[in-house]
Amino acid sequence: MIHISETLAIQTVEDFLGGDETARLVKIMDTEATGWRPRRQAEILPAPALAQEILSVATVRALPAIRRVMPSVAAFAPWGYTEMAVGQCVPSHVDGIISPRTAPRRIGRLRVVIAEADEGGRLYTETTADPAPWTTTVLGVSDGYVPGTPLARSLPHEMAEDPHAAEDQWLAATVRTRWLADAGRGVAVAYGAQLIHGVTPVVRGRLRVLVTDLTDAPVS
């Protein structure tokens, strides 16, 4: 059963990618994503097959460390790629648990940087005691969760980027404490699906990231 702590956890895997693996991924994406630029901030491009192979091996290798804080993680989705240029950021948002009563459930996400920005572009998480991020829904054993598990609101980054979206007003009004991650190239960060997070603006250079969902069952 999924525990609330898993959906709010954060865990790093410092040796997720070796230097050779990172270099190969950069070369693959240089070739496969030539000329591609996100139409909006943090738009996801499916990673090509060669990249999926490298990342799948690395993810399986990292699962024991990830399961220390997210023991319900049983699988992961296909990896996606994105990049951010100067001035781009990912505003604070919550991925959320889509279809919480139906497997596969998203417990968290896993991201790894293959090329850091020269300045800026840092992942952050935010915590708060404010009840605003939470819905009135409480999940239990029949849903696949520890009894009394609360369900957070979902605010995908696409919606968080829209200044006219009424759904983001609850987050804008919430007082939060920000925690900056200093996870560099090749370090994977696993973070819970109900954790508020974002990426600071890129000031210099270009940020290149690969990301996947961590789930409680295989993704078809």
C-alpha atoms as a PDB file:
ATOM      1  CA  MET A   1       0.000   0.000   0.000  1.00  0.00           C
ATOM      2  CA  ILE A   2       1.153   3.507  -0.814  1.00  0.00           C
ATOM      3  CA  HIS A   3       2.012   5.719   2.160  1.00  0.00           C
ATOM      4  CA  ILE A   4       1.607   9.500   2.197  1.00  0.00           C
ATOM      5  CA  SER A   5       5.313   9.913   2.995  1.00  0.00           C
ATOM      6  CA  GLU A   6       6.262   8.353  -0.357  1.00  0.00           C
ATOM      7  CA  THR A   7       4.327  10.997  -2.253  1.00  0.00           C
ATOM      8  CA  LEU A   8       6.120  13.784  -0.368  1.00  0.00           C
ATOM      9  CA  ALA A   9       9.596  12.228  -0.288  1.00  0.00           C
ATOM     10  CA  ILE A  10      12.782  13.334  -2.001  1.00  0.00           C
ATOM     11  CA  GLN A  11      15.796  11.096  -2.628  1.00  0.00           C
ATOM     12  CA  THR A  12      18.988  11.514  -4.619  1.00  0.00           C
ATOM     13  CA  VAL A  13      21.048   8.874  -6.415  1.00  0.00           C
ATOM     14  CA  GLU A  14      24.473  10.444  -6.842  1.00  0.00           C
ATOM     15  CA  ASP A  15      25.909   7.750  -9.114  1.00  0.00           C
ATOM     16  CA  PHE A  16      22.794   7.317 -11.247  1.00  0.00           C
ATOM     17  CA  LEU A  17      24.750   7.965 -14.449  1.00  0.00           C
ATOM     18  CA  GLY A  18      28.443   7.397 -14.943  1.00  0.00           C
ATOM     19  CA  GLY A  19      30.483   9.871 -16.954  1.00  0.00           C
ATOM     20  CA  ASP A  20      30.446   7.671 -20.049  1.00  0.00           C
ATOM     21  CA  GLU A  21      26.674   7.170 -19.845  1.00  0.00           C
ATOM     22  CA  THR A  22      26.067  10.902 -19.500  1.00  0.00           C
ATOM     23  CA  ALA A  23      28.333  11.651 -22.458  1.00  0.00           C
ATOM     24  CA  ARG A  24      26.519   9.055 -24.577  1.00  0.00           C
ATOM     25  CA  LEU A  25      23.145  10.542 -23.690  1.00  0.00           C
ATOM     26  CA  VAL A  26      24.318  14.033 -24.624  1.00  0.00           C
ATOM     27  CA  LYS A  27      25.574  12.715 -27.960  1.00  0.00           C
ATOM     28  CA  ILE A  28      22.313  10.837 -28.609  1.00  0.00           C
ATOM     29  CA  MET A  29      20.171  13.872 -27.838  1.00  0.00           C
ATOM     30  CA  ASP A  30      22.450  16.118 -29.898  1.00  0.00           C
ATOM     31  CA  THR A  31      21.672  13.848 -32.838  1.00  0.00           C
ATOM     32  CA  GLU A  32      18.030  12.969 -32.220  1.00  0.00           C
ATOM     33  CA  ALA A  33      16.867  16.399 -31.027  1.00  0.00           C
ATOM     34  CA  THR A  34      18.763  18.488 -33.559  1.00  0.00           C
ATOM     35  CA  GLY A  35      16.865  21.714 -34.108  1.00  0.00           C
ATOM     36  CA  TRP A  36      14.200  20.828 -31.543  1.00  0.00           C
ATOM     37  CA  ARG A  37      13.284  23.475 -28.993  1.00  0.00           C
ATOM     38  CA  PRO A  38      10.332  23.336 -26.584  1.00  0.00           C
ATOM     39  CA  ARG A  39       7.292  25.269 -27.848  1.00  0.00           C
ATOM     40  CA  ARG A  40       6.592  26.040 -24.208  1.00  0.00           C
ATOM     41  CA  GLN A  41       8.725  25.831 -21.094  1.00  0.00           C
ATOM     42  CA  ALA A  42       9.636  22.269 -20.124  1.00  0.00           C
ATOM     43  CA  GLU A  43       7.731  20.638 -22.977  1.00  0.00           C
ATOM     44  CA  ILE A  44       8.643  16.939 -22.989  1.00  0.00           C
ATOM     45  CA  LEU A  45      10.044  15.132 -26.039  1.00  0.00           C
ATOM     46  CA  PRO A  46      10.011  11.301 -25.868  1.00  0.00           C
ATOM     47  CA  ALA A  47      13.585  10.088 -25.519  1.00  0.00           C
ATOM     48  CA  PRO A  48      14.803   7.912 -28.439  1.00  0.00           C
ATOM     49  CA  ALA A  49      15.278   4.163 -28.094  1.00  0.00           C
ATOM     50  CA  LEU A  50      19.051   4.310 -27.541  1.00  0.00           C
ATOM     51  CA  ALA A  51      18.572   6.771 -24.687  1.00  0.00           C
ATOM     52  CA  GLN A  52      15.756   4.664 -23.216  1.00  0.00           C
ATOM     53  CA  GLU A  53      18.096   1.671 -23.060  1.00  0.00           C
ATOM     54  CA  ILE A  54      20.773   3.551 -21.124  1.00  0.00           C
ATOM     55  CA  LEU A  55      18.244   5.135 -18.787  1.00  0.00           C
ATOM     56  CA  SER A  56      16.381   1.876 -18.152  1.00  0.00           C
ATOM     57  CA  VAL A  57      19.586   0.158 -17.052  1.00  0.00           C
ATOM     58  CA  ALA A  58      20.431   3.104 -14.793  1.00  0.00           C
ATOM     59  CA  THR A  59      16.925   3.203 -13.297  1.00  0.00           C
ATOM     60  CA  VAL A  60      16.849  -0.507 -12.473  1.00  0.00           C
ATOM     61  CA  ARG A  61      20.275  -0.099 -10.890  1.00  0.00           C
ATOM     62  CA  ALA A  62      18.976   2.815  -8.781  1.00  0.00           C
ATOM     63  CA  LEU A  63      15.674   1.277  -7.661  1.00  0.00           C
ATOM     64  CA  PRO A  64      17.006  -0.146  -4.356  1.00  0.00           C
ATOM     65  CA  ALA A  65      18.079   3.349  -3.271  1.00  0.00           C
ATOM     66  CA  ILE A  66      14.829   4.903  -4.458  1.00  0.00           C
ATOM     67  CA  ARG A  67      12.747   2.259  -2.672  1.00  0.00           C
ATOM     68  CA  ARG A  68      14.284   3.176   0.664  1.00  0.00           C
ATOM     69  CA  VAL A  69      11.996   6.222   0.681  1.00  0.00           C
ATOM     70  CA  MET A  70       9.423   5.085  -1.915  1.00  0.00           C
ATOM     71  CA  PRO A  71       8.966   1.358  -1.199  1.00  0.00           C
ATOM     72  CA  SER A  72       5.817   1.116  -3.332  1.00  0.00           C
ATOM     73  CA  VAL A  73       7.672   1.985  -6.554  1.00  0.00           C
ATOM     74  CA  ALA A  74       7.483  -1.061  -8.803  1.00  0.00           C
ATOM     75  CA  ALA A  75       8.071   0.384 -12.277  1.00  0.00           C
ATOM     76  CA  PHE A  76       8.773   3.496 -14.301  1.00  0.00           C
ATOM     77  CA  ALA A  77       7.394   5.088 -17.443  1.00  0.00           C
ATOM     78  CA  PRO A  78       9.301   5.770 -20.669  1.00  0.00           C
ATOM     79  CA  TRP A  79      11.746   8.636 -20.273  1.00  0.00           C
ATOM     80  CA  GLY A  80      11.244  12.082 -21.762  1.00  0.00           C
ATOM     81  CA  TYR A  81      13.656  14.892 -22.578  1.00  0.00           C
ATOM     82  CA  THR A  82      13.435  18.651 -22.172  1.00  0.00           C
ATOM     83  CA  GLU A  83      15.730  21.642 -22.158  1.00  0.00           C
ATOM     84  CA  MET A  84      15.552  25.216 -20.927  1.00  0.00           C
ATOM     85  CA  ALA A  85      17.190  28.309 -22.374  1.00  0.00           C
ATOM     86  CA  VAL A  86      17.998  31.682 -20.809  1.00  0.00           C
ATOM     87  CA  GLY A  87      14.959  33.226 -19.140  1.00  0.00           C
ATOM     88  CA  GLN A  88      13.001  29.990 -19.006  1.00  0.00           C
ATOM     89  CA  CYS A  89      11.891  28.358 -15.767  1.00  0.00           C
ATOM     90  CA  VAL A  90       9.356  25.902 -14.399  1.00  0.00           C
ATOM     91  CA  PRO A  91       7.013  27.668 -11.963  1.00  0.00           C
ATOM     92  CA  SER A  92       5.981  26.054  -8.690  1.00  0.00           C
ATOM     93  CA  HIS A  93       3.515  23.247  -9.336  1.00  0.00           C
ATOM     94  CA  VAL A  94       2.294  19.844  -8.137  1.00  0.00           C
ATOM     95  CA  ASP A  95       2.348  16.868 -10.513  1.00  0.00           C
ATOM     96  CA  GLY A  96      -0.318  15.101  -8.471  1.00  0.00           C
ATOM     97  CA  ILE A  97      -1.536  11.506  -8.592  1.00  0.00           C
ATOM     98  CA  ILE A  98      -3.581  11.013 -11.732  1.00  0.00           C
ATOM     99  CA  SER A  99      -6.407   8.445 -11.301  1.00  0.00           C
ATOM    100  CA  PRO A 100      -5.392   7.664  -7.702  1.00  0.00           C
ATOM    101  CA  ARG A 101      -7.684   4.630  -7.458  1.00  0.00           C
ATOM    102  CA  THR A 102      -6.443   2.955 -10.663  1.00  0.00           C
ATOM    103  CA  ALA A 103      -3.052   1.331 -11.276  1.00  0.00           C
ATOM    104  CA  PRO A 104      -0.526   2.303 -12.416  1.00  0.00           C
ATOM    105  CA  ARG A 105      -0.489   5.147  -9.911  1.00  0.00           C
ATOM    106  CA  ARG A 106       2.184   7.829 -10.092  1.00  0.00           C
ATOM    107  CA  ILE A 107       4.073   7.835  -6.790  1.00  0.00           C
ATOM    108  CA  GLY A 108       6.715  10.305  -7.893  1.00  0.00           C
ATOM    109  CA  ARG A 109       9.008  11.437 -10.651  1.00  0.00           C
ATOM    110  CA  LEU A 110      12.679  10.872 -11.398  1.00  0.00           C
ATOM    111  CA  ARG A 111      14.850  13.438 -13.174  1.00  0.00           C
ATOM    112  CA  VAL A 112      18.488  13.602 -14.148  1.00  0.00           C
ATOM    113  CA  VAL A 113      20.453  16.508 -15.622  1.00  0.00           C
ATOM    114  CA  ILE A 114      22.788  15.655 -18.506  1.00  0.00           C
ATOM    115  CA  ALA A 115      23.989  19.236 -19.047  1.00  0.00           C
ATOM    116  CA  GLU A 116      23.814  21.948 -16.391  1.00  0.00           C
ATOM    117  CA  ALA A 117      23.113  25.591 -17.128  1.00  0.00           C
ATOM    118  CA  ASP A 118      26.076  27.873 -16.484  1.00  0.00           C
ATOM    119  CA  GLU A 119      23.917  29.771 -14.007  1.00  0.00           C
ATOM    120  CA  GLY A 120      20.395  29.175 -12.732  1.00  0.00           C
ATOM    121  CA  GLY A 121      18.127  26.310 -13.732  1.00  0.00           C
ATOM    122  CA  ARG A 122      18.117  24.699 -10.284  1.00  0.00           C
ATOM    123  CA  LEU A 123      15.460  22.292  -9.097  1.00  0.00           C
ATOM    124  CA  TYR A 124      13.672  23.299  -5.907  1.00  0.00           C
ATOM    125  CA  THR A 125      10.985  21.880  -3.660  1.00  0.00           C
ATOM    126  CA  GLU A 126       8.607  23.786  -1.417  1.00  0.00           C
ATOM    127  CA  THR A 127       6.970  22.781   1.848  1.00  0.00           C
ATOM    128  CA  THR A 128       4.104  24.354   3.750  1.00  0.00           C
ATOM    129  CA  ALA A 129       1.776  23.742   6.693  1.00  0.00           C
ATOM    130  CA  ASP A 130      -1.024  25.522   4.837  1.00  0.00           C
ATOM    131  CA  PRO A 131      -3.986  23.198   4.109  1.00  0.00           C
ATOM    132  CA  ALA A 132      -4.533  24.821   0.677  1.00  0.00           C
ATOM    133  CA  PRO A 133      -2.587  22.190  -1.324  1.00  0.00           C
ATOM    134  CA  TRP A 134      -4.887  19.432  -0.072  1.00  0.00           C
ATOM    135  CA  THR A 135      -8.282  18.297  -1.291  1.00  0.00           C
ATOM    136  CA  THR A 136     -10.965  16.839   0.962  1.00  0.00           C
ATOM    137  CA  THR A 137     -10.426  13.368  -0.553  1.00  0.00           C
ATOM    138  CA  VAL A 138      -9.005  10.730   1.785  1.00  0.00           C
ATOM    139  CA  LEU A 139      -7.814   7.410   0.360  1.00  0.00           C
ATOM    140  CA  GLY A 140      -7.792   4.018   2.063  1.00  0.00           C
ATOM    141  CA  VAL A 141      -7.041   0.311   1.746  1.00  0.00           C
ATOM    142  CA  SER A 142      -9.616  -0.318  -0.972  1.00  0.00           C
ATOM    143  CA  ASP A 143      -7.905   2.400  -3.034  1.00  0.00           C
ATOM    144  CA  GLY A 144      -4.416   0.936  -2.552  1.00  0.00           C
ATOM    145  CA  TYR A 145      -3.236   3.372   0.147  1.00  0.00           C
ATOM    146  CA  VAL A 146      -2.590   3.331   3.875  1.00  0.00           C
ATOM    147  CA  PRO A 147      -5.861   4.299   5.592  1.00  0.00           C
ATOM    148  CA  GLY A 148      -6.333   8.056   5.937  1.00  0.00           C
ATOM    149  CA  THR A 149      -4.009   9.086   3.087  1.00  0.00           C
ATOM    150  CA  PRO A 150      -4.920  12.639   1.951  1.00  0.00           C
ATOM    151  CA  LEU A 151      -4.933  13.561  -1.734  1.00  0.00           C
ATOM    152  CA  ALA A 152      -3.248  16.786  -2.836  1.00  0.00           C
ATOM    153  CA  ARG A 153      -4.428  19.088  -5.580  1.00  0.00           C
ATOM    154  CA  SER A 154      -2.861  18.591  -9.006  1.00  0.00           C
ATOM    155  CA  LEU A 155      -1.371  21.606 -10.772  1.00  0.00           C
ATOM    156  CA  PRO A 156       0.750  20.454 -13.743  1.00  0.00           C
ATOM    157  CA  HIS A 157       3.441  22.903 -14.828  1.00  0.00           C
ATOM    158  CA  GLU A 158       1.567  23.605 -18.058  1.00  0.00           C
ATOM    159  CA  MET A 159      -1.299  25.023 -16.006  1.00  0.00           C
ATOM    160  CA  ALA A 160       1.060  26.771 -13.572  1.00  0.00           C
ATOM    161  CA  GLU A 161       2.583  28.639 -16.525  1.00  0.00           C
ATOM    162  CA  ASP A 162      -0.788  30.153 -17.478  1.00  0.00           C
ATOM    163  CA  PRO A 163      -1.234  33.432 -15.567  1.00  0.00           C
ATOM    164  CA  HIS A 164      -4.958  33.335 -16.317  1.00  0.00           C
ATOM    165  CA  ALA A 165      -5.586  29.859 -14.901  1.00  0.00           C
ATOM    166  CA  ALA A 166      -7.890  30.164 -11.892  1.00  0.00           C
ATOM    167  CA  GLU A 167      -6.654  26.822 -10.589  1.00  0.00           C
ATOM    168  CA  ASP A 168      -3.267  28.249  -9.621  1.00  0.00           C
ATOM    169  CA  GLN A 169      -4.641  30.902  -7.280  1.00  0.00           C
ATOM    170  CA  TRP A 170      -4.595  28.583  -4.274  1.00  0.00           C
ATOM    171  CA  LEU A 171      -0.858  28.001  -4.726  1.00  0.00           C
ATOM    172  CA  ALA A 172      -0.021  31.654  -5.329  1.00  0.00           C
ATOM    173  CA  ALA A 173      -1.686  32.528  -2.015  1.00  0.00           C
ATOM    174  CA  THR A 174       0.072  29.774  -0.062  1.00  0.00           C
ATOM    175  CA  VAL A 175       3.067  30.734   2.097  1.00  0.00           C
ATOM    176  CA  ARG A 176       5.850  28.252   1.354  1.00  0.00           C
ATOM    177  CA  THR A 177       9.438  27.461   2.343  1.00  0.00           C
ATOM    178  CA  ARG A 178      11.769  26.791  -0.590  1.00  0.00           C
ATOM    179  CA  TRP A 179      14.547  24.193  -0.629  1.00  0.00           C
ATOM    180  CA  LEU A 180      17.105  24.404  -3.452  1.00  0.00           C
ATOM    181  CA  ALA A 181      18.667  21.189  -4.749  1.00  0.00           C
ATOM    182  CA  ASP A 182      22.328  21.182  -5.690  1.00  0.00           C
ATOM    183  CA  ALA A 183      22.148  17.971  -7.721  1.00  0.00           C
ATOM    184  CA  GLY A 184      24.562  18.231 -10.621  1.00  0.00           C
ATOM    185  CA  ARG A 185      25.168  16.411 -13.872  1.00  0.00           C
ATOM    186  CA  GLY A 186      24.410  12.696 -13.697  1.00  0.00           C
ATOM    187  CA  VAL A 187      22.729  12.873 -10.261  1.00  0.00           C
ATOM    188  CA  ALA A 188      19.145  11.611 -10.246  1.00  0.00           C
ATOM    189  CA  VAL A 189      16.501  13.175  -8.008  1.00  0.00           C
ATOM    190  CA  ALA A 190      13.367  11.232  -7.106  1.00  0.00           C
ATOM    191  CA  TYR A 191      10.567  13.371  -5.695  1.00  0.00           C
ATOM    192  CA  GLY A 192       7.018  12.598  -4.619  1.00  0.00           C
ATOM    193  CA  ALA A 193       4.035  13.288  -6.848  1.00  0.00           C
ATOM    194  CA  GLN A 194       2.386  15.441  -4.163  1.00  0.00           C
ATOM    195  CA  LEU A 195       5.462  17.584  -3.507  1.00  0.00           C
ATOM    196  CA  ILE A 196       5.436  21.220  -4.657  1.00  0.00           C
ATOM    197  CA  HIS A 197       8.453  21.868  -6.874  1.00  0.00           C
ATOM    198  CA  GLY A 198       9.820  23.876  -9.796  1.00  0.00           C
ATOM    199  CA  VAL A 199      13.009  25.032 -11.537  1.00  0.00           C
ATOM    200  CA  THR A 200      14.570  28.476 -11.127  1.00  0.00           C
ATOM    201  CA  PRO A 201      15.106  30.620 -14.264  1.00  0.00           C
ATOM    202  CA  VAL A 202      18.117  29.840 -16.422  1.00  0.00           C
ATOM    203  CA  VAL A 203      20.429  32.872 -16.291  1.00  0.00           C
ATOM    204  CA  ARG A 204      23.276  31.652 -18.513  1.00  0.00           C
ATOM    205  CA  GLY A 205      23.667  28.604 -20.710  1.00  0.00           C
ATOM    206  CA  ARG A 206      21.214  25.778 -21.357  1.00  0.00           C
ATOM    207  CA  LEU A 207      19.754  23.146 -19.030  1.00  0.00           C
ATOM    208  CA  ARG A 208      19.163  19.657 -20.430  1.00  0.00           C
ATOM    209  CA  VAL A 209      17.089  17.176 -18.430  1.00  0.00           C
ATOM    210  CA  LEU A 210      15.578  13.706 -18.721  1.00  0.00           C
ATOM    211  CA  VAL A 211      12.540  12.736 -16.636  1.00  0.00           C
ATOM    212  CA  THR A 212      10.205   9.793 -15.990  1.00  0.00           C
ATOM    213  CA  ASP A 213       7.298   8.802 -13.735  1.00  0.00           C
ATOM    214  CA  LEU A 214       7.779   6.329 -10.883  1.00  0.00           C
ATOM    215  CA  THR A 215       4.717   4.087 -10.537  1.00  0.00           C
ATOM    216  CA  ASP A 216       3.322   1.257  -8.426  1.00  0.00           C
ATOM    217  CA  ALA A 217       2.720  -0.952 -11.464  1.00  0.00           C
ATOM    218  CA  PRO A 218       4.086  -1.278 -15.006  1.00  0.00           C
ATOM    219  CA  VAL A 219       2.961   1.368 -17.469  1.00  0.00           C
ATOM    220  CA  SER A 220       1.332  -0.175 -20.546  1.00  0.00           C
END
